[in-house]
């Protein structure tokens, strides 16, 4: 089973608005300015230890190297990264009609986690599962873990 996460406003948040994990120690806090949502380390570790593949699916143009090494600083292995460039190449390609900004079904992703309502709407329209992360949900880790367990039962 594969679970993917968006980055901006989902895993990477503004620390002035949303509580965050501790920043990496100097000099890595300068190399990696993004701040991780509080609870993400616990959840991502739990996902990895349960044998679920962990992917990042972002419309940002951060490099795969940046993303994988960022999470490696926290001891989290990312199995695959789909960034804006890869999505444009592999999903949109030379199709004339625009496809959604994310299309997890192409990659057999069982559940995608995102904060963007339009991604959830596209999930209903194009047939992929989305957990819509609400910015003000203090129980997001537990709620998402429960959703993962539901999806796991449905996924062969």
C-alpha atoms as a PDB file:
ATOM      1  CA  UNK A   1       0.000   0.000   0.000  1.00  0.00           C
ATOM      2  CA  UNK A   2       1.187   3.516  -0.831  1.00  0.00           C
ATOM      3  CA  UNK A   3       0.323   6.746   0.975  1.00  0.00           C
ATOM      4  CA  UNK A   4       1.377  10.107  -0.426  1.00  0.00           C
ATOM      5  CA  UNK A   5       1.585  13.502   1.225  1.00  0.00           C
ATOM      6  CA  UNK A   6       1.493  16.994  -0.186  1.00  0.00           C
ATOM      7  CA  UNK A   7       4.121  19.338   1.226  1.00  0.00           C
ATOM      8  CA  UNK A   8       3.007  22.983   1.343  1.00  0.00           C
ATOM      9  CA  UNK A   9       0.481  23.642   4.123  1.00  0.00           C
ATOM     10  CA  UNK A  10       0.156  19.882   4.669  1.00  0.00           C
ATOM     11  CA  UNK A  11       3.508  18.662   6.003  1.00  0.00           C
ATOM     12  CA  UNK A  12       5.418  21.938   5.594  1.00  0.00           C
ATOM     13  CA  UNK A  13       3.676  24.700   7.537  1.00  0.00           C
ATOM     14  CA  UNK A  14       4.170  28.273   8.668  1.00  0.00           C
ATOM     15  CA  UNK A  15       5.391  28.131  12.300  1.00  0.00           C
ATOM     16  CA  UNK A  16       3.704  31.474  13.019  1.00  0.00           C
ATOM     17  CA  UNK A  17       0.336  29.819  12.329  1.00  0.00           C
ATOM     18  CA  UNK A  18       0.769  26.079  13.003  1.00  0.00           C
ATOM     19  CA  UNK A  19       2.814  24.285  15.683  1.00  0.00           C
ATOM     20  CA  UNK A  20       5.908  22.587  14.249  1.00  0.00           C
ATOM     21  CA  UNK A  21       8.466  19.933  15.047  1.00  0.00           C
ATOM     22  CA  UNK A  22      11.873  21.204  16.165  1.00  0.00           C
ATOM     23  CA  UNK A  23      13.941  22.577  13.299  1.00  0.00           C
ATOM     24  CA  UNK A  24      17.049  20.652  12.306  1.00  0.00           C
ATOM     25  CA  UNK A  25      20.189  21.768  14.124  1.00  0.00           C
ATOM     26  CA  UNK A  26      22.574  24.319  12.613  1.00  0.00           C
ATOM     27  CA  UNK A  27      23.647  24.381   9.784  1.00  0.00           C
ATOM     28  CA  UNK A  28      20.810  22.174   8.500  1.00  0.00           C
ATOM     29  CA  UNK A  29      18.168  24.659   9.669  1.00  0.00           C
ATOM     30  CA  UNK A  30      19.640  27.049   7.061  1.00  0.00           C
ATOM     31  CA  UNK A  31      19.828  24.421   4.301  1.00  0.00           C
ATOM     32  CA  UNK A  32      16.276  23.218   5.020  1.00  0.00           C
ATOM     33  CA  UNK A  33      14.151  26.265   5.892  1.00  0.00           C
ATOM     34  CA  UNK A  34      10.822  24.388   5.659  1.00  0.00           C
ATOM     35  CA  UNK A  35       9.163  23.535   8.981  1.00  0.00           C
ATOM     36  CA  UNK A  36       7.386  20.257   9.614  1.00  0.00           C
ATOM     37  CA  UNK A  37       3.875  20.159  11.131  1.00  0.00           C
ATOM     38  CA  UNK A  38       3.858  19.008  14.756  1.00  0.00           C
ATOM     39  CA  UNK A  39       2.947  15.309  14.926  1.00  0.00           C
ATOM     40  CA  UNK A  40       4.256  14.544  11.443  1.00  0.00           C
ATOM     41  CA  UNK A  41       7.350  12.711  12.694  1.00  0.00           C
ATOM     42  CA  UNK A  42       5.298  10.423  14.925  1.00  0.00           C
ATOM     43  CA  UNK A  43       2.837   9.662  12.118  1.00  0.00           C
ATOM     44  CA  UNK A  44       5.398   9.194   9.338  1.00  0.00           C
ATOM     45  CA  UNK A  45       7.432   6.855  11.549  1.00  0.00           C
ATOM     46  CA  UNK A  46       4.299   4.867  12.387  1.00  0.00           C
ATOM     47  CA  UNK A  47       3.411   4.585   8.681  1.00  0.00           C
ATOM     48  CA  UNK A  48       6.938   3.381   7.804  1.00  0.00           C
ATOM     49  CA  UNK A  49       7.020   0.846  10.651  1.00  0.00           C
ATOM     50  CA  UNK A  50       3.678  -0.604   9.558  1.00  0.00           C
ATOM     51  CA  UNK A  51       5.115  -1.484   6.140  1.00  0.00           C
ATOM     52  CA  UNK A  52       3.267   1.178   4.152  1.00  0.00           C
ATOM     53  CA  UNK A  53       5.213   2.900   1.363  1.00  0.00           C
ATOM     54  CA  UNK A  54       5.617   6.618   1.969  1.00  0.00           C
ATOM     55  CA  UNK A  55       5.587   9.002  -1.000  1.00  0.00           C
ATOM     56  CA  UNK A  56       5.604  12.763  -1.417  1.00  0.00           C
ATOM     57  CA  UNK A  57       3.327  14.126  -4.156  1.00  0.00           C
ATOM     58  CA  UNK A  58       3.707  17.882  -4.436  1.00  0.00           C
ATOM     59  CA  UNK A  59       2.999  20.427  -7.129  1.00  0.00           C
ATOM     60  CA  UNK A  60       6.051  22.369  -5.926  1.00  0.00           C
ATOM     61  CA  UNK A  61       9.275  22.259  -7.894  1.00  0.00           C
ATOM     62  CA  UNK A  62      11.522  21.303  -4.974  1.00  0.00           C
ATOM     63  CA  UNK A  63      13.993  18.693  -6.161  1.00  0.00           C
ATOM     64  CA  UNK A  64      13.694  15.041  -5.250  1.00  0.00           C
ATOM     65  CA  UNK A  65      17.121  15.314  -3.609  1.00  0.00           C
ATOM     66  CA  UNK A  66      16.029  18.201  -1.389  1.00  0.00           C
ATOM     67  CA  UNK A  67      12.858  16.405  -0.321  1.00  0.00           C
ATOM     68  CA  UNK A  68      14.433  13.021   0.430  1.00  0.00           C
ATOM     69  CA  UNK A  69      17.411  14.522   2.249  1.00  0.00           C
ATOM     70  CA  UNK A  70      15.117  16.824   4.277  1.00  0.00           C
ATOM     71  CA  UNK A  71      13.190  13.859   5.652  1.00  0.00           C
ATOM     72  CA  UNK A  72      16.392  11.839   6.091  1.00  0.00           C
ATOM     73  CA  UNK A  73      17.513  14.530   8.594  1.00  0.00           C
ATOM     74  CA  UNK A  74      14.567  13.416  10.707  1.00  0.00           C
ATOM     75  CA  UNK A  75      15.218   9.691  10.158  1.00  0.00           C
ATOM     76  CA  UNK A  76      12.299   9.229   7.739  1.00  0.00           C
ATOM     77  CA  UNK A  77      12.837   7.325   4.474  1.00  0.00           C
ATOM     78  CA  UNK A  78      10.740   8.550   1.561  1.00  0.00           C
ATOM     79  CA  UNK A  79      10.109   5.830  -1.032  1.00  0.00           C
ATOM     80  CA  UNK A  80       9.258   8.055  -3.979  1.00  0.00           C
ATOM     81  CA  UNK A  81       8.793  11.722  -4.885  1.00  0.00           C
ATOM     82  CA  UNK A  82       6.496  13.204  -7.505  1.00  0.00           C
ATOM     83  CA  UNK A  83       7.156  16.926  -7.839  1.00  0.00           C
ATOM     84  CA  UNK A  84       5.706  19.490 -10.233  1.00  0.00           C
ATOM     85  CA  UNK A  85       8.187  18.654 -12.989  1.00  0.00           C
ATOM     86  CA  UNK A  86       7.612  14.910 -12.812  1.00  0.00           C
ATOM     87  CA  UNK A  87       3.828  15.369 -12.704  1.00  0.00           C
ATOM     88  CA  UNK A  88       3.955  17.619 -15.786  1.00  0.00           C
ATOM     89  CA  UNK A  89       6.075  15.066 -17.654  1.00  0.00           C
ATOM     90  CA  UNK A  90       4.377  11.821 -16.620  1.00  0.00           C
ATOM     91  CA  UNK A  91       0.757  12.825 -16.000  1.00  0.00           C
ATOM     92  CA  UNK A  92       0.020  15.876 -18.123  1.00  0.00           C
ATOM     93  CA  UNK A  93       2.508  15.098 -20.912  1.00  0.00           C
ATOM     94  CA  UNK A  94       1.274  16.494 -24.215  1.00  0.00           C
ATOM     95  CA  UNK A  95      -2.424  16.096 -23.407  1.00  0.00           C
ATOM     96  CA  UNK A  96      -4.323  19.166 -24.537  1.00  0.00           C
ATOM     97  CA  UNK A  97      -6.953  19.147 -21.786  1.00  0.00           C
ATOM     98  CA  UNK A  98      -5.490  19.994 -18.375  1.00  0.00           C
ATOM     99  CA  UNK A  99      -5.523  17.233 -15.790  1.00  0.00           C
ATOM    100  CA  UNK A 100      -5.725  17.818 -12.026  1.00  0.00           C
ATOM    101  CA  UNK A 101      -2.686  19.223 -10.204  1.00  0.00           C
ATOM    102  CA  UNK A 102      -2.296  15.773  -8.607  1.00  0.00           C
ATOM    103  CA  UNK A 103      -3.399  12.426  -9.968  1.00  0.00           C
ATOM    104  CA  UNK A 104      -2.488   9.703  -7.424  1.00  0.00           C
ATOM    105  CA  UNK A 105      -4.446   7.013  -9.293  1.00  0.00           C
ATOM    106  CA  UNK A 106      -1.753   6.958 -11.997  1.00  0.00           C
ATOM    107  CA  UNK A 107       0.750   5.743  -9.420  1.00  0.00           C
ATOM    108  CA  UNK A 108      -1.611   3.351  -7.574  1.00  0.00           C
ATOM    109  CA  UNK A 109      -1.483   5.493  -4.457  1.00  0.00           C
ATOM    110  CA  UNK A 110      -4.099   4.177  -2.012  1.00  0.00           C
ATOM    111  CA  UNK A 111      -4.496   7.474  -0.119  1.00  0.00           C
ATOM    112  CA  UNK A 112      -3.227  10.988  -0.752  1.00  0.00           C
ATOM    113  CA  UNK A 113      -3.063  13.523   2.104  1.00  0.00           C
ATOM    114  CA  UNK A 114      -3.567  17.175   1.158  1.00  0.00           C
ATOM    115  CA  UNK A 115      -4.905  20.440   2.562  1.00  0.00           C
ATOM    116  CA  UNK A 116      -6.345  21.657  -0.754  1.00  0.00           C
ATOM    117  CA  UNK A 117     -10.112  21.287  -1.185  1.00  0.00           C
ATOM    118  CA  UNK A 118      -9.736  21.215  -4.979  1.00  0.00           C
ATOM    119  CA  UNK A 119      -7.523  18.101  -4.691  1.00  0.00           C
ATOM    120  CA  UNK A 120     -10.268  16.400  -2.647  1.00  0.00           C
ATOM    121  CA  UNK A 121     -12.853  17.435  -5.261  1.00  0.00           C
ATOM    122  CA  UNK A 122     -10.629  16.046  -8.017  1.00  0.00           C
ATOM    123  CA  UNK A 123     -10.345  12.832  -6.031  1.00  0.00           C
ATOM    124  CA  UNK A 124     -14.116  12.395  -6.146  1.00  0.00           C
ATOM    125  CA  UNK A 125     -14.212  13.311  -9.829  1.00  0.00           C
ATOM    126  CA  UNK A 126     -11.249  11.192 -10.987  1.00  0.00           C
ATOM    127  CA  UNK A 127     -11.609   8.293  -8.552  1.00  0.00           C
ATOM    128  CA  UNK A 128      -8.762   8.575  -6.041  1.00  0.00           C
ATOM    129  CA  UNK A 129      -8.887   8.756  -2.239  1.00  0.00           C
ATOM    130  CA  UNK A 130      -7.902  11.968  -0.476  1.00  0.00           C
ATOM    131  CA  UNK A 131      -7.676  12.714   3.226  1.00  0.00           C
ATOM    132  CA  UNK A 132      -8.372  16.441   3.489  1.00  0.00           C
ATOM    133  CA  UNK A 133      -6.169  17.795   6.261  1.00  0.00           C
ATOM    134  CA  UNK A 134      -7.790  20.731   8.001  1.00  0.00           C
ATOM    135  CA  UNK A 135      -5.352  23.314   9.353  1.00  0.00           C
ATOM    136  CA  UNK A 136      -7.123  23.613  12.689  1.00  0.00           C
ATOM    137  CA  UNK A 137      -7.528  19.879  13.467  1.00  0.00           C
ATOM    138  CA  UNK A 138      -5.678  19.193  16.739  1.00  0.00           C
ATOM    139  CA  UNK A 139      -6.377  15.447  16.326  1.00  0.00           C
ATOM    140  CA  UNK A 140      -5.089  15.223  12.763  1.00  0.00           C
ATOM    141  CA  UNK A 141      -2.576  12.444  13.526  1.00  0.00           C
ATOM    142  CA  UNK A 142      -5.209  10.184  15.101  1.00  0.00           C
ATOM    143  CA  UNK A 143      -7.838  11.033  12.462  1.00  0.00           C
ATOM    144  CA  UNK A 144      -5.447  10.333   9.607  1.00  0.00           C
ATOM    145  CA  UNK A 145      -4.177   7.116  11.203  1.00  0.00           C
ATOM    146  CA  UNK A 146      -7.793   5.909  11.514  1.00  0.00           C
ATOM    147  CA  UNK A 147      -8.385   6.725   7.832  1.00  0.00           C
ATOM    148  CA  UNK A 148      -5.215   4.836   6.883  1.00  0.00           C
ATOM    149  CA  UNK A 149      -6.487   1.780   8.763  1.00  0.00           C
ATOM    150  CA  UNK A 150      -9.833   1.988   6.906  1.00  0.00           C
ATOM    151  CA  UNK A 151      -8.108   2.244   3.540  1.00  0.00           C
ATOM    152  CA  UNK A 152      -5.737  -0.603   4.450  1.00  0.00           C
ATOM    153  CA  UNK A 153      -8.739  -2.913   4.915  1.00  0.00           C
ATOM    154  CA  UNK A 154      -9.993  -1.974   1.426  1.00  0.00           C
ATOM    155  CA  UNK A 155      -6.619  -2.320  -0.295  1.00  0.00           C
ATOM    156  CA  UNK A 156      -5.509  -5.784  -1.470  1.00  0.00           C
END
